[in-house]
Amino acid sequence: MSGTVLAGVLPAATAPAEQIGEPVVNIAIFGAFVLVTLVIVFRASRNNRSAADYYAAGRSFTGPQNGTAIAGDYLSAASFLGICGAIAIYGYDGFLYSIGFLVAWLVALLLVAELLRNTGRFTMADVLSFRLRQRPVRMAAAISTLAVVFFYLLAQMAGAGGLVALLLGLDTAAAQGVVIAVVGTLMILYVLVGGMKGTTWVQIIKAILLIVGAGVMTVWVLARFGFNLSELLQGAIDVAGEGGETLIEPGRQYGASALTQLNFLSLALALVLGTAGLPHVLMRFYTVPSAKEARRSVVWAIWLIGIFYLFTLVLGYGAGALVGPERIASAPGRANSAAPLLAYELGGVLLLGIISAVAFATILAVVAGLTITAAASFAHDIYASVIKRGEVEPDKEVRVARITVVAIGALAILGGIFANGQNVAFLVALAFAVAASANLPTIIYSLFWKRFNTAGALWSMYGGLVSCLVLIAFSPVVSGKVDAATGESLSMIRDTSVDFAIFPLENPGIVSIPLAFLLGIVGTLLSKEQPDPEKFAEMEVRSLTGAGAEKATPH
């Protein structure tokens, strides 16, 4: 998840591939993982008899199980590969990503996890529409959810294609497109058959593999330096050559100017607040039987994610010391190649094959989680609640969700092929910025502000969504950003002569998030609609105590 916020970390489709390891070994290990997880998904699907089974896994997972699945959902391949590369190249500034993504979970724990579990049933829109007008609020929430999920899916699918160049030795756009299609097809199969229960088990297995794999590599790297962290840091400084001391000092990446510092502040704000508004993370809170288990699941997730990000510190500096930033920067995956190159340096073909398989499995698990979130949002919020006005059989709703899975999967495959070689940082940063701008203000106002009404919710959600999209469209990530060394475009538009970037920051969070909060207040105060005090009191009691949490949300 987090590592793809690094600009230019994925190769262009035409980048020549450096052949390392044995592609046959990589494919064999990955194939074995797919086979095992498919068996698990098919077994899990036997119990999918209702909407609650399909969307929320029958609320049958414990806090530790759900926490592990959340970690699996949150720690994507980019989190493993991208952050390691960021630390290897930028040192201290790269580790700020790890710190930011861990701190984000405190926001989720303190503000949303338990309250959302008590108030909703399947989706974020259940909470937002509890005391507001159902149809307009559900439509707005579903649109913002689909926007976040779609851009996130594009990033993961394009990431799968970009990693192919290094992991399987394929360097053509057509070959990478085939891999994107294979990943997309497996994703559709997982979600279509297994629902949330099957997807959750895939994420649990993947999280364990990723954390154990990173842990083994961490111990291996430390052993190379006598388990002395100072020696490891000095090794990275020595290999970096002139200016290597800046690897352990702040400012190597974001200290060039006041603009770069402001850009980092904006990005950090979007990522820290966006996590608590990510729909696929919020949906996981409904897979546990109680609010207590929801709280436990977040605590488990924090521990697992925190441990993993400590591993990235060692792996990042280890890659810098044992592989070298120049070799990493020149590899087809650029920063994303740091961890695989380190694996090859440490354990040869076998370890590289395992790490490669874990990386692909990670993408598979993340896109499966995103897809079921999008399917639930469309089927439950738009089809069942808006189009059918709540008068729909659960079986019919689940059938619509499965059709939605196929449609979204097909769009993700096409979009991923189209976005392959593009700046994937744009897509992930946009997903987080939309979540922080459109979703979080409305969630907080709905839970805590008695005066809040439907107009405020619509102003906040649509205002946050539109302002975010417009500012990104006119930012350097879309046009006008050029590599000073090579003269190549680092923006979505590859033509360096096209430049309509009038907004200087690469992430709009510092503008769109406060704007969304402000619009929620303005829309509420300007509207003549009076909120229902009894409904707010009921929501407050339910969110804080869990009383009546299992009742169906009224339509």
Protein backbone atom coordinates (compact mmCIF):
# COMPACT_ATOMS: atom_id res chain seq x y z
CA MET A 1 0.00 0.00 0.00
CA SER A 2 2.26 2.63 1.27
CA GLY A 3 5.36 2.25 -0.86
CA THR A 4 3.68 3.23 -4.08
CA VAL A 5 3.56 6.81 -2.93
CA LEU A 6 7.13 7.10 -4.14
CA ALA A 7 7.32 8.99 -7.38
CA GLY A 8 8.64 7.07 -10.32
CA VAL A 9 9.19 3.76 -8.58
CA LEU A 10 7.75 1.66 -11.37
CA PRO A 11 9.42 1.12 -14.69
CA ALA A 12 8.17 2.17 -18.04
CA ALA A 13 6.76 -0.68 -20.07
CA THR A 14 9.77 -0.63 -22.34
CA ALA A 15 12.41 -0.69 -19.63
CA PRO A 16 15.01 -3.38 -20.26
CA ALA A 17 14.87 -6.13 -17.64
CA GLU A 18 17.87 -7.17 -15.59
CA GLN A 19 17.65 -10.95 -15.32
CA ILE A 20 18.15 -12.09 -11.74
CA GLY A 21 17.24 -15.48 -10.36
CA GLU A 22 15.18 -18.10 -12.16
CA PRO A 23 11.72 -17.06 -13.45
CA VAL A 24 10.67 -20.74 -13.44
CA VAL A 25 11.34 -20.96 -9.69
CA ASN A 26 9.42 -17.71 -9.09
CA ILE A 27 6.42 -18.96 -11.07
CA ALA A 28 6.49 -22.41 -9.39
CA ILE A 29 6.46 -20.96 -5.88
CA PHE A 30 3.77 -18.44 -6.78
CA GLY A 31 1.71 -21.20 -8.42
CA ALA A 32 1.93 -23.33 -5.27
CA PHE A 33 0.63 -20.41 -3.19
CA VAL A 34 -2.26 -19.81 -5.59
CA LEU A 35 -3.20 -23.51 -5.53
CA VAL A 36 -3.25 -23.69 -1.72
CA THR A 37 -5.25 -20.48 -1.32
CA LEU A 38 -7.77 -21.53 -3.97
CA VAL A 39 -8.45 -24.72 -1.99
CA ILE A 40 -8.99 -22.61 1.14
CA VAL A 41 -11.31 -20.21 -0.71
CA PHE A 42 -13.44 -23.07 -2.05
CA ARG A 43 -13.72 -24.60 1.43
CA ALA A 44 -14.66 -21.23 2.95
CA SER A 45 -17.34 -20.67 0.29
CA ARG A 46 -19.42 -23.61 1.55
CA ASN A 47 -20.77 -21.45 4.36
CA ASN A 48 -21.79 -18.46 2.22
CA ARG A 49 -25.57 -18.69 2.67
CA SER A 50 -26.57 -15.08 3.36
CA ALA A 51 -25.61 -11.47 2.71
CA ALA A 52 -23.92 -11.35 6.12
CA ASP A 53 -21.85 -14.40 5.15
CA TYR A 54 -20.80 -12.92 1.81
CA TYR A 55 -20.12 -9.33 2.93
CA ALA A 56 -19.01 -9.81 6.54
CA ALA A 57 -17.91 -13.47 6.70
CA GLY A 58 -20.84 -14.20 9.01
CA ARG A 59 -19.11 -11.99 11.63
CA SER A 60 -17.23 -15.15 12.60
CA PHE A 61 -13.61 -13.94 12.85
CA THR A 62 -11.92 -13.22 16.17
CA GLY A 63 -10.05 -10.00 16.88
CA PRO A 64 -6.58 -11.54 16.34
CA GLN A 65 -7.71 -13.20 13.09
CA ASN A 66 -9.27 -9.99 11.79
CA GLY A 67 -6.26 -7.97 12.92
CA THR A 68 -3.98 -10.26 10.94
CA ALA A 69 -6.27 -9.91 7.91
CA ILE A 70 -6.24 -6.11 8.29
CA ALA A 71 -2.44 -6.22 8.31
CA GLY A 72 -2.60 -8.38 5.19
CA ASP A 73 -4.93 -5.87 3.55
CA TYR A 74 -2.83 -2.87 4.58
CA LEU A 75 0.66 -4.22 3.86
CA SER A 76 0.59 -4.46 0.10
CA ALA A 77 3.53 -5.40 -2.10
CA ALA A 78 4.29 -1.73 -2.50
CA SER A 79 4.55 -1.36 1.27
CA PHE A 80 7.19 -4.09 1.32
CA LEU A 81 9.00 -3.22 -1.88
CA GLY A 82 8.51 0.54 -2.06
CA ILE A 83 9.40 1.51 1.49
CA CYS A 84 12.50 -0.70 1.46
CA GLY A 85 13.56 1.10 -1.71
CA ALA A 86 12.79 4.51 -0.23
CA ILE A 87 14.97 3.82 2.80
CA ALA A 88 17.76 2.37 0.64
CA ILE A 89 17.87 5.50 -1.51
CA TYR A 90 16.68 8.28 0.81
CA GLY A 91 17.44 6.85 4.26
CA TYR A 92 15.76 8.75 7.09
CA ASP A 93 13.18 10.42 4.83
CA GLY A 94 12.17 7.03 3.46
CA PHE A 95 11.52 5.70 6.97
CA LEU A 96 9.08 8.57 7.55
CA TYR A 97 6.64 6.62 5.37
CA SER A 98 6.75 3.70 7.81
CA ILE A 99 6.18 6.00 10.78
CA GLY A 100 3.30 7.81 9.07
CA PHE A 101 1.46 4.64 8.12
CA LEU A 102 1.79 3.21 11.63
CA VAL A 103 0.58 6.41 13.31
CA ALA A 104 -2.45 6.37 11.01
CA TRP A 105 -3.77 3.31 12.85
CA LEU A 106 -4.04 5.25 16.09
CA VAL A 107 -6.60 7.48 14.35
CA ALA A 108 -8.53 4.40 13.25
CA LEU A 109 -8.36 2.87 16.73
CA LEU A 110 -9.40 5.96 18.68
CA LEU A 111 -12.00 7.43 16.32
CA VAL A 112 -13.69 4.83 14.14
CA ALA A 113 -13.11 1.11 14.78
CA GLU A 114 -15.43 0.38 17.70
CA LEU A 115 -18.01 3.05 16.83
CA LEU A 116 -18.36 1.88 13.23
CA ARG A 117 -18.75 -1.75 14.28
CA ASN A 118 -21.55 -0.82 16.66
CA THR A 119 -23.42 1.42 14.22
CA GLY A 120 -23.23 -0.25 10.82
CA ARG A 121 -23.89 -3.59 9.19
CA PHE A 122 -21.84 -4.06 6.04
CA THR A 123 -20.53 -0.74 4.63
CA MET A 124 -19.48 2.76 5.60
CA ALA A 125 -22.73 4.12 4.12
CA ASP A 126 -24.71 2.22 6.79
CA VAL A 127 -23.16 4.52 9.38
CA LEU A 128 -23.44 7.73 7.39
CA SER A 129 -27.11 7.16 6.55
CA PHE A 130 -28.17 6.02 10.02
CA ARG A 131 -29.67 9.39 11.01
CA LEU A 132 -29.59 11.17 7.64
CA ARG A 133 -31.69 10.79 4.51
CA GLN A 134 -30.94 7.36 3.12
CA ARG A 135 -30.86 7.65 -0.65
CA PRO A 136 -28.71 10.77 -1.29
CA VAL A 137 -26.21 9.93 1.44
CA ARG A 138 -25.85 6.29 0.38
CA MET A 139 -25.35 7.35 -3.23
CA ALA A 140 -22.64 9.87 -2.27
CA ALA A 141 -20.90 7.35 0.03
CA ALA A 142 -21.00 4.65 -2.66
CA ILE A 143 -19.56 7.01 -5.29
CA SER A 144 -16.68 8.04 -3.04
CA THR A 145 -16.06 4.38 -2.09
CA LEU A 146 -15.96 3.29 -5.72
CA ALA A 147 -13.59 6.18 -6.54
CA VAL A 148 -11.15 5.18 -3.79
CA VAL A 149 -11.34 1.49 -4.67
CA PHE A 150 -10.96 2.00 -8.41
CA PHE A 151 -7.80 4.12 -8.17
CA TYR A 152 -6.39 1.76 -5.57
CA LEU A 153 -7.12 -1.19 -7.85
CA LEU A 154 -5.39 0.53 -10.77
CA ALA A 155 -2.29 1.03 -8.64
CA GLN A 156 -2.15 -2.60 -7.53
CA MET A 157 -2.85 -4.01 -10.99
CA ALA A 158 -0.31 -1.74 -12.65
CA GLY A 159 2.12 -2.61 -9.86
CA ALA A 160 1.73 -6.28 -10.73
CA GLY A 161 2.72 -5.55 -14.31
CA GLY A 162 5.62 -3.34 -13.28
CA LEU A 163 7.12 -5.95 -10.96
CA VAL A 164 7.11 -8.56 -13.72
CA ALA A 165 10.16 -7.02 -15.38
CA LEU A 166 12.32 -7.82 -12.38
CA LEU A 167 10.72 -10.93 -10.93
CA LEU A 168 10.00 -12.95 -14.08
CA GLY A 169 12.44 -11.38 -16.51
CA LEU A 170 9.71 -10.09 -18.87
CA ASP A 171 10.28 -6.66 -20.33
CA THR A 172 7.52 -6.19 -22.91
CA ALA A 173 4.25 -4.35 -22.37
CA ALA A 174 2.31 -7.29 -23.82
CA ALA A 175 3.85 -9.79 -21.37
CA GLN A 176 3.17 -7.50 -18.42
CA GLY A 177 -0.39 -7.03 -19.68
CA VAL A 178 -0.90 -10.80 -19.64
CA VAL A 179 0.27 -10.94 -16.00
CA ILE A 180 -2.13 -8.14 -15.08
CA ALA A 181 -4.95 -10.12 -16.71
CA VAL A 182 -3.96 -13.30 -14.81
CA VAL A 183 -3.86 -11.45 -11.47
CA GLY A 184 -7.24 -9.85 -12.25
CA THR A 185 -8.81 -13.18 -13.19
CA LEU A 186 -7.59 -14.85 -9.98
CA MET A 187 -8.89 -11.88 -8.00
CA ILE A 188 -12.34 -12.26 -9.57
CA LEU A 189 -12.33 -16.00 -8.83
CA TYR A 190 -11.34 -15.52 -5.17
CA VAL A 191 -14.06 -12.96 -4.47
CA LEU A 192 -16.72 -14.56 -6.65
CA VAL A 193 -16.42 -17.89 -4.88
CA GLY A 194 -15.14 -17.12 -1.40
CA GLY A 195 -16.73 -13.78 -0.56
CA MET A 196 -15.36 -11.97 2.48
CA LYS A 197 -14.60 -15.21 4.32
CA GLY A 198 -12.39 -16.61 1.56
CA THR A 199 -10.76 -13.21 0.99
CA THR A 200 -10.04 -12.86 4.72
CA TRP A 201 -8.27 -16.23 4.90
CA VAL A 202 -6.15 -15.32 1.87
CA GLN A 203 -5.16 -12.07 3.59
CA ILE A 204 -4.32 -13.86 6.85
CA ILE A 205 -2.04 -16.34 5.07
CA LYS A 206 -0.43 -13.61 3.01
CA ALA A 207 0.19 -11.41 6.10
CA ILE A 208 1.91 -14.30 7.90
CA LEU A 209 4.06 -15.07 4.87
CA LEU A 210 5.01 -11.42 4.37
CA ILE A 211 5.90 -10.75 8.02
CA VAL A 212 7.79 -14.04 8.43
CA GLY A 213 9.63 -13.50 5.13
CA ALA A 214 10.59 -9.96 6.08
CA GLY A 215 11.62 -11.18 9.56
CA VAL A 216 13.92 -13.87 8.16
CA MET A 217 15.56 -11.37 5.83
CA THR A 218 15.95 -8.87 8.71
CA VAL A 219 17.78 -11.41 10.89
CA TRP A 220 19.92 -12.41 7.88
CA VAL A 221 20.91 -8.80 7.19
CA LEU A 222 21.74 -8.11 10.84
CA ALA A 223 23.84 -11.29 10.96
CA ARG A 224 25.93 -9.93 8.07
CA PHE A 225 26.82 -6.95 10.29
CA GLY A 226 27.31 -8.81 13.57
CA PHE A 227 23.84 -7.81 14.79
CA ASN A 228 25.17 -4.27 15.15
CA LEU A 229 22.77 -1.64 13.80
CA SER A 230 25.49 1.03 13.82
CA GLU A 231 27.65 -1.13 11.56
CA LEU A 232 24.70 -1.59 9.21
CA LEU A 233 24.09 2.16 8.97
CA GLN A 234 27.79 2.80 8.43
CA GLY A 235 27.83 0.20 5.66
CA ALA A 236 24.98 1.97 3.87
CA ILE A 237 26.76 5.32 4.24
CA ASP A 238 30.04 3.92 2.87
CA VAL A 239 28.39 2.32 -0.19
CA ALA A 240 26.44 5.51 -0.96
CA GLY A 241 29.73 7.39 -1.35
CA GLU A 242 29.84 11.18 -1.34
CA GLY A 243 26.98 12.64 0.66
CA GLY A 244 26.18 9.26 2.20
CA GLU A 245 25.96 10.80 5.68
CA THR A 246 22.62 12.33 4.68
CA LEU A 247 21.10 8.81 4.73
CA ILE A 248 20.82 9.06 8.52
CA GLU A 249 19.75 12.71 8.55
CA PRO A 250 16.38 14.29 7.69
CA GLY A 251 16.03 16.23 4.45
CA ARG A 252 17.67 14.01 1.80
CA GLN A 253 14.38 13.73 -0.11
CA TYR A 254 12.17 16.46 1.35
CA GLY A 255 14.62 19.09 2.52
CA ALA A 256 15.50 20.71 -0.80
CA SER A 257 13.06 23.62 -0.45
CA ALA A 258 10.06 24.90 1.44
CA LEU A 259 7.87 23.52 -1.36
CA THR A 260 9.14 19.95 -0.94
CA GLN A 261 8.62 20.21 2.82
CA LEU A 262 5.06 21.45 2.29
CA ASN A 263 4.52 18.65 -0.23
CA PHE A 264 5.56 16.06 2.34
CA LEU A 265 3.28 17.64 4.98
CA SER A 266 0.36 17.46 2.55
CA LEU A 267 1.11 13.83 1.65
CA ALA A 268 1.53 12.84 5.30
CA LEU A 269 -1.77 14.48 6.25
CA ALA A 270 -3.62 12.59 3.50
CA LEU A 271 -2.04 9.24 4.40
CA VAL A 272 -2.47 9.51 8.18
CA LEU A 273 -6.10 10.62 7.97
CA GLY A 274 -6.92 8.62 4.85
CA THR A 275 -6.38 5.27 6.54
CA ALA A 276 -9.36 5.87 8.86
CA GLY A 277 -11.50 6.57 5.79
CA LEU A 278 -10.37 3.73 3.51
CA PRO A 279 -13.56 1.76 2.74
CA HIS A 280 -11.86 -1.62 2.41
CA VAL A 281 -10.26 -1.17 5.85
CA LEU A 282 -13.51 0.07 7.43
CA MET A 283 -15.42 -2.92 6.01
CA ARG A 284 -13.15 -5.31 7.92
CA PHE A 285 -14.61 -4.10 11.23
CA TYR A 286 -17.90 -5.80 10.34
CA THR A 287 -16.35 -9.28 10.11
CA VAL A 288 -16.07 -9.63 13.90
CA PRO A 289 -18.93 -10.47 16.29
CA SER A 290 -18.61 -7.48 18.62
CA ALA A 291 -17.16 -4.00 19.08
CA LYS A 292 -14.68 -5.42 21.59
CA GLU A 293 -13.32 -7.75 18.91
CA ALA A 294 -13.18 -4.82 16.46
CA ARG A 295 -11.03 -2.92 18.95
CA ARG A 296 -8.85 -5.99 19.55
CA SER A 297 -8.42 -6.45 15.81
CA VAL A 298 -7.04 -2.92 15.44
CA VAL A 299 -4.62 -3.45 18.34
CA TRP A 300 -3.40 -6.66 16.70
CA ALA A 301 -3.07 -4.88 13.37
CA ILE A 302 -1.03 -2.09 14.98
CA TRP A 303 1.39 -4.58 16.52
CA LEU A 304 1.83 -6.60 13.33
CA ILE A 305 2.16 -3.54 11.09
CA GLY A 306 4.53 -1.87 13.58
CA ILE A 307 6.79 -4.93 13.71
CA PHE A 308 6.79 -5.14 9.93
CA TYR A 309 7.76 -1.48 9.53
CA LEU A 310 10.66 -1.98 11.95
CA PHE A 311 11.81 -4.76 9.63
CA THR A 312 11.69 -2.34 6.69
CA LEU A 313 14.21 -0.09 8.47
CA VAL A 314 16.78 -2.90 8.55
CA LEU A 315 15.90 -4.16 5.07
CA GLY A 316 16.08 -0.69 3.54
CA TYR A 317 19.49 0.15 4.97
CA GLY A 318 20.55 -3.45 4.30
CA ALA A 319 19.69 -3.05 0.62
CA GLY A 320 21.62 0.21 0.58
CA ALA A 321 24.67 -1.45 2.13
CA LEU A 322 24.64 -4.82 0.32
CA VAL A 323 23.15 -3.91 -3.07
CA GLY A 324 23.82 -0.19 -3.34
CA PRO A 325 21.54 2.71 -4.30
CA GLU A 326 22.99 3.01 -7.82
CA ARG A 327 22.18 -0.60 -8.74
CA ILE A 328 18.71 -0.24 -7.19
CA ALA A 329 17.99 3.00 -9.07
CA SER A 330 19.10 1.48 -12.39
CA ALA A 331 17.11 -1.77 -12.02
CA PRO A 332 13.82 -2.13 -13.97
CA GLY A 333 11.77 -1.77 -10.79
CA ARG A 334 13.92 1.12 -9.54
CA ALA A 335 13.13 1.63 -5.83
CA ASN A 336 10.71 -1.32 -5.91
CA SER A 337 13.58 -3.66 -6.80
CA ALA A 338 15.47 -3.11 -3.52
CA ALA A 339 13.91 -5.99 -1.53
CA PRO A 340 14.13 -8.61 -4.34
CA LEU A 341 17.72 -7.61 -5.09
CA LEU A 342 18.54 -7.88 -1.39
CA ALA A 343 16.87 -11.32 -1.24
CA TYR A 344 18.97 -12.47 -4.20
CA GLU A 345 22.12 -11.09 -2.56
CA LEU A 346 21.35 -12.92 0.71
CA GLY A 347 19.87 -16.26 -0.32
CA GLY A 348 20.22 -16.60 -4.06
CA VAL A 349 17.56 -18.05 -6.36
CA LEU A 350 15.46 -19.77 -3.69
CA LEU A 351 15.00 -16.76 -1.39
CA LEU A 352 14.35 -14.51 -4.37
CA GLY A 353 11.69 -16.96 -5.58
CA ILE A 354 9.98 -16.95 -2.18
CA ILE A 355 10.06 -13.15 -1.89
CA SER A 356 8.79 -12.84 -5.46
CA ALA A 357 5.89 -15.19 -4.70
CA VAL A 358 5.05 -13.27 -1.52
CA ALA A 359 5.07 -10.01 -3.48
CA PHE A 360 2.63 -11.37 -6.08
CA ALA A 361 0.48 -13.00 -3.41
CA THR A 362 0.35 -9.67 -1.61
CA ILE A 363 -1.03 -7.90 -4.67
CA LEU A 364 -3.56 -10.70 -5.11
CA ALA A 365 -4.83 -10.41 -1.53
CA VAL A 366 -5.08 -6.62 -1.62
CA VAL A 367 -7.01 -6.48 -4.90
CA ALA A 368 -9.39 -9.18 -3.63
CA GLY A 369 -10.17 -7.08 -0.55
CA LEU A 370 -10.70 -3.97 -2.65
CA THR A 371 -12.99 -5.79 -5.07
CA ILE A 372 -15.35 -7.17 -2.44
CA THR A 373 -15.57 -3.69 -0.90
CA ALA A 374 -16.60 -2.19 -4.22
CA ALA A 375 -19.10 -5.02 -4.85
CA ALA A 376 -20.69 -4.56 -1.42
CA SER A 377 -20.89 -0.81 -1.90
CA PHE A 378 -22.68 -1.08 -5.23
CA ALA A 379 -24.98 -4.00 -4.38
CA HIS A 380 -25.86 -2.98 -0.81
CA ASP A 381 -25.83 0.84 -1.06
CA ILE A 382 -26.83 1.63 -4.64
CA TYR A 383 -28.85 -1.39 -5.82
CA ALA A 384 -30.56 -2.55 -2.62
CA SER A 385 -30.94 0.76 -0.78
CA VAL A 386 -31.29 3.37 -3.55
CA ILE A 387 -32.68 1.56 -6.60
CA LYS A 388 -34.81 -1.02 -4.77
CA ARG A 389 -35.43 1.23 -1.70
CA GLY A 390 -34.58 -1.62 0.64
CA GLU A 391 -37.15 -4.01 -0.84
CA VAL A 392 -34.83 -6.73 -2.07
CA GLU A 393 -34.14 -10.33 -1.11
CA PRO A 394 -30.64 -10.97 0.35
CA ASP A 395 -30.00 -13.68 -2.27
CA LYS A 396 -30.73 -11.22 -5.06
CA GLU A 397 -28.45 -8.64 -3.46
CA VAL A 398 -25.58 -11.12 -3.24
CA ARG A 399 -26.18 -12.11 -6.88
CA VAL A 400 -25.86 -8.45 -7.90
CA ALA A 401 -22.68 -8.21 -5.81
CA ARG A 402 -21.17 -11.16 -7.69
CA ILE A 403 -22.06 -9.59 -11.05
CA THR A 404 -20.43 -6.38 -9.81
CA VAL A 405 -17.27 -8.32 -8.93
CA VAL A 406 -16.92 -9.48 -12.55
CA ALA A 407 -17.56 -5.98 -13.91
CA ILE A 408 -15.12 -4.28 -11.53
CA GLY A 409 -12.52 -6.97 -12.14
CA ALA A 410 -12.76 -6.48 -15.91
CA LEU A 411 -12.45 -2.69 -15.50
CA ALA A 412 -9.46 -3.14 -13.18
CA ILE A 413 -7.72 -5.40 -15.70
CA LEU A 414 -8.27 -2.94 -18.56
CA GLY A 415 -7.32 0.03 -16.39
CA GLY A 416 -4.25 -1.73 -15.04
CA ILE A 417 -3.04 -2.56 -18.55
CA PHE A 418 -3.63 1.06 -19.57
CA ALA A 419 -1.87 2.41 -16.46
CA ASN A 420 1.07 -0.01 -16.71
CA GLY A 421 4.26 2.03 -16.81
CA GLN A 422 2.47 5.15 -15.63
CA ASN A 423 3.19 6.96 -12.37
CA VAL A 424 1.44 4.67 -9.94
CA ALA A 425 2.25 7.09 -7.09
CA PHE A 426 -0.50 9.31 -8.45
CA LEU A 427 -3.10 6.57 -8.17
CA VAL A 428 -2.34 5.56 -4.57
CA ALA A 429 -1.95 9.13 -3.32
CA LEU A 430 -5.28 9.96 -4.95
CA ALA A 431 -6.99 7.03 -3.24
CA PHE A 432 -5.76 8.14 0.18
CA ALA A 433 -6.55 11.78 -0.48
CA VAL A 434 -10.12 10.94 -1.57
CA ALA A 435 -10.62 8.77 1.52
CA ALA A 436 -9.34 11.50 3.84
CA SER A 437 -11.28 14.27 2.08
CA ALA A 438 -14.62 12.69 1.18
CA ASN A 439 -15.07 9.97 3.82
CA LEU A 440 -13.43 10.86 7.12
CA PRO A 441 -15.02 14.29 7.78
CA THR A 442 -18.51 12.90 7.20
CA ILE A 443 -17.85 9.85 9.40
CA ILE A 444 -16.62 12.03 12.28
CA TYR A 445 -19.44 14.54 11.96
CA SER A 446 -22.04 11.77 11.77
CA LEU A 447 -20.74 10.11 14.92
CA PHE A 448 -20.04 13.16 17.06
CA TRP A 449 -21.95 16.26 15.87
CA LYS A 450 -25.61 16.42 16.89
CA ARG A 451 -26.47 19.30 14.50
CA PHE A 452 -25.02 17.55 11.42
CA ASN A 453 -27.54 16.92 8.64
CA THR A 454 -27.87 15.51 5.12
CA ALA A 455 -26.88 18.74 3.37
CA GLY A 456 -23.65 18.89 5.38
CA ALA A 457 -22.86 15.28 4.47
CA LEU A 458 -23.42 15.89 0.75
CA TRP A 459 -21.42 19.13 0.76
CA SER A 460 -18.54 17.41 2.56
CA MET A 461 -18.46 14.20 0.50
CA TYR A 462 -18.96 15.71 -2.95
CA GLY A 463 -16.86 18.77 -2.11
CA GLY A 464 -13.99 16.66 -0.83
CA LEU A 465 -14.18 14.30 -3.80
CA VAL A 466 -14.40 16.99 -6.50
CA SER A 467 -11.76 19.29 -4.98
CA CYS A 468 -9.39 16.34 -4.62
CA LEU A 469 -9.83 15.23 -8.24
CA VAL A 470 -9.51 18.76 -9.63
CA LEU A 471 -6.37 19.61 -7.64
CA ILE A 472 -4.72 16.32 -8.63
CA ALA A 473 -5.62 16.92 -12.30
CA PHE A 474 -3.79 20.26 -12.22
CA SER A 475 -0.81 19.03 -10.18
CA PRO A 476 2.70 17.95 -11.30
CA VAL A 477 1.77 14.26 -11.02
CA VAL A 478 -0.38 14.63 -14.16
CA SER A 479 1.75 17.02 -16.24
CA GLY A 480 4.86 19.12 -16.24
CA LYS A 481 7.19 17.23 -13.91
CA VAL A 482 10.53 16.51 -15.60
CA ASP A 483 13.59 14.61 -14.37
CA ALA A 484 16.36 17.23 -14.38
CA ALA A 485 19.03 14.59 -15.02
CA THR A 486 17.44 12.74 -17.95
CA GLY A 487 14.85 15.21 -19.28
CA GLU A 488 12.18 12.49 -19.12
CA SER A 489 8.66 13.16 -17.91
CA LEU A 490 7.85 11.93 -14.40
CA SER A 491 4.15 12.74 -14.80
CA MET A 492 1.18 10.72 -16.00
CA ILE A 493 1.40 12.53 -19.36
CA ARG A 494 4.62 11.41 -21.01
CA ASP A 495 4.89 14.39 -23.35
CA THR A 496 7.24 16.84 -21.61
CA SER A 497 5.89 19.74 -23.70
CA VAL A 498 2.43 19.39 -22.09
CA ASP A 499 2.25 21.34 -18.85
CA PHE A 500 -0.96 22.55 -17.21
CA ALA A 501 0.18 22.05 -13.60
CA ILE A 502 -1.06 25.17 -11.83
CA PHE A 503 -1.29 23.52 -8.39
CA PRO A 504 2.31 23.06 -7.15
CA LEU A 505 1.83 20.19 -4.66
CA GLU A 506 1.74 16.54 -5.70
CA ASN A 507 -0.93 15.69 -3.13
CA PRO A 508 -3.95 17.91 -2.42
CA GLY A 509 -4.49 16.72 1.17
CA ILE A 510 -3.41 19.93 2.87
CA VAL A 511 -6.11 21.80 0.90
CA SER A 512 -8.89 19.27 0.22
CA ILE A 513 -9.09 17.76 3.74
CA PRO A 514 -9.64 21.05 5.65
CA LEU A 515 -11.95 22.15 2.82
CA ALA A 516 -14.09 19.02 3.23
CA PHE A 517 -14.36 19.59 6.99
CA LEU A 518 -15.30 23.24 6.36
CA LEU A 519 -17.88 22.35 3.70
CA GLY A 520 -19.53 19.91 6.12
CA ILE A 521 -19.99 22.77 8.61
CA VAL A 522 -21.16 25.30 5.99
CA GLY A 523 -23.61 22.89 4.35
CA THR A 524 -25.09 21.96 7.72
CA LEU A 525 -25.51 25.55 8.92
CA LEU A 526 -26.97 26.83 5.63
CA SER A 527 -29.53 24.04 5.41
CA LYS A 528 -32.95 24.46 7.01
CA GLU A 529 -33.15 20.72 7.61
CA GLN A 530 -33.45 19.92 11.30
CA PRO A 531 -31.78 16.69 12.48
CA ASP A 532 -33.75 14.17 14.49
CA PRO A 533 -32.47 14.39 18.11
CA GLU A 534 -33.94 10.99 18.97
CA LYS A 535 -32.10 9.38 16.07
CA PHE A 536 -28.81 10.97 17.14
CA ALA A 537 -29.38 9.79 20.71
CA GLU A 538 -30.04 6.27 19.46
CA MET A 539 -26.91 6.36 17.30
CA GLU A 540 -24.82 7.71 20.19
CA VAL A 541 -25.98 5.00 22.57
CA ARG A 542 -25.49 2.28 19.97
CA SER A 543 -22.03 3.50 18.90
CA LEU A 544 -20.76 3.83 22.49
CA THR A 545 -22.38 0.77 24.07
CA GLY A 546 -23.16 -1.61 21.21
CA ALA A 547 -26.81 -1.86 22.28
CA GLY A 548 -28.88 -2.91 19.27
CA ALA A 549 -25.82 -3.24 17.05
CA GLU A 550 -27.12 -6.43 15.46
CA LYS A 551 -30.38 -4.83 14.34
CA ALA A 552 -30.79 -4.12 10.67
CA THR A 553 -30.17 -0.55 9.63
CA PRO A 554 -33.53 0.94 8.64
CA HIS A 555 -34.16 1.64 4.97
